[in-house]
N, C-alpha and C. Protein backbone atom coordinates (compact mmCIF):
# COMPACT_ATOMS: atom_id res chain seq x y z
N MET A 1 0.86 -1.18 0.00
CA MET A 1 0.00 0.00 0.00
C MET A 1 0.90 1.23 0.00
N PRO A 2 0.74 2.14 -0.95
CA PRO A 2 1.54 3.36 -0.98
C PRO A 2 1.34 4.19 0.28
N ALA A 3 2.35 4.96 0.64
CA ALA A 3 2.31 5.76 1.87
C ALA A 3 1.11 6.70 1.90
N ALA A 4 0.71 7.23 0.75
CA ALA A 4 -0.42 8.16 0.70
C ALA A 4 -1.73 7.48 1.10
N GLU A 5 -1.84 6.16 0.87
CA GLU A 5 -3.06 5.43 1.17
C GLU A 5 -3.00 4.71 2.52
N SER A 6 -1.86 4.75 3.18
CA SER A 6 -1.67 4.04 4.43
C SER A 6 -2.50 4.65 5.55
N PRO A 7 -3.16 3.79 6.36
CA PRO A 7 -3.93 4.32 7.49
C PRO A 7 -3.02 4.74 8.65
N VAL A 8 -1.73 4.47 8.55
CA VAL A 8 -0.79 4.83 9.61
C VAL A 8 -0.38 6.29 9.45
N PRO A 9 -0.56 7.08 10.51
CA PRO A 9 -0.12 8.49 10.44
C PRO A 9 1.37 8.58 10.08
N GLN A 10 1.73 9.62 9.38
CA GLN A 10 3.11 9.80 8.94
C GLN A 10 4.08 10.03 10.10
N GLU A 11 3.62 10.67 11.14
CA GLU A 11 4.48 10.93 12.30
C GLU A 11 4.45 9.74 13.24
N SER A 12 5.61 9.28 13.66
CA SER A 12 5.70 8.11 14.54
C SER A 12 4.92 8.32 15.83
N ALA A 13 5.03 9.51 16.42
CA ALA A 13 4.32 9.78 17.68
C ALA A 13 2.81 9.66 17.48
N ASP A 14 2.30 10.14 16.37
CA ASP A 14 0.87 10.05 16.09
C ASP A 14 0.45 8.59 15.86
N ALA A 15 1.28 7.84 15.15
CA ALA A 15 0.98 6.44 14.87
C ALA A 15 0.94 5.64 16.18
N LEU A 16 1.90 5.87 17.05
CA LEU A 16 1.94 5.14 18.31
C LEU A 16 0.80 5.55 19.22
N ALA A 17 0.45 6.82 19.22
CA ALA A 17 -0.70 7.29 20.01
C ALA A 17 -1.98 6.63 19.50
N ALA A 18 -2.11 6.46 18.20
CA ALA A 18 -3.29 5.81 17.63
C ALA A 18 -3.35 4.35 18.07
N VAL A 19 -2.22 3.67 18.07
CA VAL A 19 -2.18 2.28 18.51
C VAL A 19 -2.60 2.18 19.98
N ALA A 20 -2.07 3.05 20.82
CA ALA A 20 -2.42 3.04 22.24
C ALA A 20 -3.91 3.30 22.44
N ALA A 21 -4.46 4.24 21.70
CA ALA A 21 -5.88 4.56 21.81
C ALA A 21 -6.74 3.37 21.37
N LEU A 22 -6.34 2.71 20.29
CA LEU A 22 -7.09 1.54 19.82
C LEU A 22 -7.03 0.40 20.83
N ARG A 23 -5.89 0.21 21.47
CA ARG A 23 -5.78 -0.83 22.50
C ARG A 23 -6.71 -0.54 23.66
N ARG A 24 -6.75 0.73 24.10
CA ARG A 24 -7.66 1.10 25.19
C ARG A 24 -9.11 0.85 24.80
N LEU A 25 -9.46 1.23 23.60
CA LEU A 25 -10.82 1.02 23.10
C LEU A 25 -11.14 -0.47 23.01
N ALA A 26 -10.22 -1.27 22.51
CA ALA A 26 -10.44 -2.71 22.42
C ALA A 26 -10.62 -3.31 23.81
N ASP A 27 -9.83 -2.88 24.78
CA ASP A 27 -9.97 -3.38 26.16
C ASP A 27 -11.33 -3.01 26.74
N GLN A 28 -11.78 -1.79 26.50
CA GLN A 28 -13.08 -1.35 27.00
C GLN A 28 -14.21 -2.16 26.35
N LEU A 29 -14.09 -2.38 25.06
CA LEU A 29 -15.09 -3.17 24.34
C LEU A 29 -15.12 -4.60 24.85
N GLU A 30 -13.93 -5.18 25.08
CA GLU A 30 -13.87 -6.55 25.61
C GLU A 30 -14.49 -6.63 26.99
N ASP A 31 -14.15 -5.68 27.86
CA ASP A 31 -14.72 -5.66 29.21
C ASP A 31 -16.25 -5.64 29.15
N ALA A 32 -16.79 -4.76 28.34
CA ALA A 32 -18.25 -4.63 28.24
C ALA A 32 -18.88 -5.88 27.65
N ALA A 33 -18.26 -6.46 26.62
CA ALA A 33 -18.81 -7.64 25.98
C ALA A 33 -18.77 -8.86 26.90
N VAL A 34 -17.67 -9.01 27.64
CA VAL A 34 -17.55 -10.13 28.58
C VAL A 34 -18.59 -9.98 29.69
N GLU A 35 -18.73 -8.77 30.22
CA GLU A 35 -19.73 -8.56 31.27
C GLU A 35 -21.14 -8.86 30.74
N GLN A 36 -21.45 -8.40 29.55
CA GLN A 36 -22.76 -8.66 28.96
C GLN A 36 -22.99 -10.16 28.81
N ALA A 37 -22.01 -10.88 28.31
CA ALA A 37 -22.14 -12.32 28.12
C ALA A 37 -22.33 -13.04 29.45
N MET A 38 -21.55 -12.66 30.45
CA MET A 38 -21.65 -13.32 31.75
C MET A 38 -22.99 -13.02 32.41
N ARG A 39 -23.48 -11.80 32.26
CA ARG A 39 -24.81 -11.47 32.80
C ARG A 39 -25.91 -12.26 32.08
N ALA A 40 -25.65 -12.63 30.83
CA ALA A 40 -26.61 -13.40 30.04
C ALA A 40 -26.49 -14.90 30.31
N GLY A 41 -25.58 -15.28 31.21
CA GLY A 41 -25.47 -16.68 31.59
C GLY A 41 -24.43 -17.50 30.86
N TRP A 42 -23.55 -16.85 30.11
CA TRP A 42 -22.49 -17.58 29.42
C TRP A 42 -21.53 -18.16 30.44
N SER A 43 -20.89 -19.24 30.07
CA SER A 43 -19.87 -19.85 30.92
C SER A 43 -18.50 -19.31 30.51
N TRP A 44 -17.52 -19.53 31.40
CA TRP A 44 -16.15 -19.12 31.07
C TRP A 44 -15.65 -19.77 29.79
N PRO A 45 -15.87 -21.08 29.59
CA PRO A 45 -15.41 -21.68 28.33
C PRO A 45 -16.06 -21.08 27.09
N GLN A 46 -17.34 -20.73 27.19
CA GLN A 46 -18.02 -20.10 26.04
C GLN A 46 -17.40 -18.75 25.72
N VAL A 47 -17.16 -17.94 26.74
CA VAL A 47 -16.56 -16.62 26.53
C VAL A 47 -15.15 -16.78 25.98
N ALA A 48 -14.39 -17.70 26.57
CA ALA A 48 -13.02 -17.93 26.12
C ALA A 48 -12.97 -18.34 24.65
N GLU A 49 -13.85 -19.24 24.27
CA GLU A 49 -13.87 -19.69 22.87
C GLU A 49 -14.20 -18.53 21.93
N ALA A 50 -15.18 -17.71 22.33
CA ALA A 50 -15.56 -16.57 21.49
C ALA A 50 -14.42 -15.57 21.32
N LEU A 51 -13.58 -15.44 22.36
CA LEU A 51 -12.46 -14.51 22.30
C LEU A 51 -11.18 -15.14 21.74
N GLY A 52 -11.18 -16.46 21.58
CA GLY A 52 -10.00 -17.13 21.06
C GLY A 52 -8.87 -17.23 22.08
N VAL A 53 -9.24 -17.35 23.36
CA VAL A 53 -8.25 -17.49 24.43
C VAL A 53 -8.65 -18.66 25.31
N THR A 54 -7.83 -18.97 26.31
CA THR A 54 -8.17 -20.06 27.22
C THR A 54 -9.15 -19.57 28.28
N ARG A 55 -9.85 -20.55 28.86
CA ARG A 55 -10.77 -20.23 29.96
C ARG A 55 -10.00 -19.58 31.11
N GLN A 56 -8.82 -20.09 31.37
CA GLN A 56 -8.02 -19.55 32.45
C GLN A 56 -7.64 -18.09 32.19
N ALA A 57 -7.30 -17.78 30.96
CA ALA A 57 -6.90 -16.41 30.61
C ALA A 57 -8.05 -15.44 30.78
N VAL A 58 -9.23 -15.81 30.31
CA VAL A 58 -10.38 -14.90 30.42
C VAL A 58 -10.81 -14.76 31.87
N HIS A 59 -10.73 -15.84 32.63
CA HIS A 59 -11.09 -15.78 34.05
C HIS A 59 -10.12 -14.87 34.80
N LYS A 60 -8.85 -15.06 34.56
CA LYS A 60 -7.83 -14.25 35.24
C LYS A 60 -8.00 -12.76 34.93
N LYS A 61 -8.32 -12.46 33.69
CA LYS A 61 -8.43 -11.06 33.27
C LYS A 61 -9.71 -10.39 33.78
N HIS A 62 -10.82 -11.14 33.88
CA HIS A 62 -12.11 -10.50 34.11
C HIS A 62 -12.82 -10.84 35.42
N ALA A 63 -12.49 -11.95 36.07
CA ALA A 63 -13.27 -12.42 37.21
C ALA A 63 -13.37 -11.40 38.34
N LYS A 64 -12.26 -10.85 38.76
CA LYS A 64 -12.27 -9.92 39.89
C LYS A 64 -13.17 -8.71 39.60
N ARG A 65 -13.03 -8.15 38.40
CA ARG A 65 -13.82 -6.98 38.02
C ARG A 65 -15.31 -7.32 37.98
N LEU A 66 -15.64 -8.50 37.46
CA LEU A 66 -17.04 -8.90 37.36
C LEU A 66 -17.64 -9.14 38.74
N ILE A 67 -16.88 -9.76 39.62
CA ILE A 67 -17.36 -9.98 40.98
C ILE A 67 -17.63 -8.64 41.66
N THR A 68 -16.71 -7.71 41.50
CA THR A 68 -16.87 -6.37 42.07
C THR A 68 -18.11 -5.68 41.51
N ALA A 69 -18.41 -5.94 40.24
CA ALA A 69 -19.58 -5.34 39.59
C ALA A 69 -20.88 -6.06 39.95
N GLY A 70 -20.78 -7.12 40.75
CA GLY A 70 -21.98 -7.83 41.18
C GLY A 70 -22.53 -8.83 40.18
N VAL A 71 -21.71 -9.25 39.24
CA VAL A 71 -22.16 -10.22 38.24
C VAL A 71 -22.11 -11.61 38.86
N LYS A 72 -23.21 -12.36 38.73
CA LYS A 72 -23.24 -13.74 39.23
C LYS A 72 -22.51 -14.60 38.21
N LEU A 73 -21.40 -15.19 38.63
CA LEU A 73 -20.57 -15.98 37.72
C LEU A 73 -20.92 -17.45 37.83
N LYS A 74 -20.90 -18.11 36.67
CA LYS A 74 -21.09 -19.55 36.66
C LYS A 74 -19.83 -20.22 37.18
N ARG A 75 -20.02 -21.21 38.02
CA ARG A 75 -18.88 -22.00 38.48
C ARG A 75 -18.74 -23.18 37.55
N ARG A 76 -17.58 -23.79 37.57
CA ARG A 76 -17.31 -24.90 36.66
C ARG A 76 -18.37 -25.99 36.79
N ALA A 77 -18.78 -26.33 38.01
CA ALA A 77 -19.80 -27.36 38.22
C ALA A 77 -21.14 -26.97 37.59
N ASP A 78 -21.40 -25.67 37.47
CA ASP A 78 -22.64 -25.19 36.86
C ASP A 78 -22.68 -25.47 35.36
N ASP A 79 -21.51 -25.70 34.74
CA ASP A 79 -21.44 -25.94 33.31
C ASP A 79 -21.84 -27.36 32.95
N ARG A 80 -21.79 -28.25 33.91
CA ARG A 80 -22.08 -29.66 33.64
C ARG A 80 -23.58 -29.90 33.67
N VAL A 81 -24.01 -30.78 32.81
CA VAL A 81 -25.44 -31.12 32.76
C VAL A 81 -25.67 -32.49 33.35
């Protein structure tokens, strides 16, 4: 892609600031989506699969925040039928 058509700002500082802003936005979107899914009764494995990560990774990243927010979390035994 020629430089004129590139979505990357020409100035390095601007490009890096854009990357940092997008990461913050992605984290906020993930937090909201995970909370919404958990409030809707999704299990950790379902959320992990949707995000393309392990159950352990999603639990480690989100469990404490969700508990603080008052979200009722499914326990592993709750996933079994």
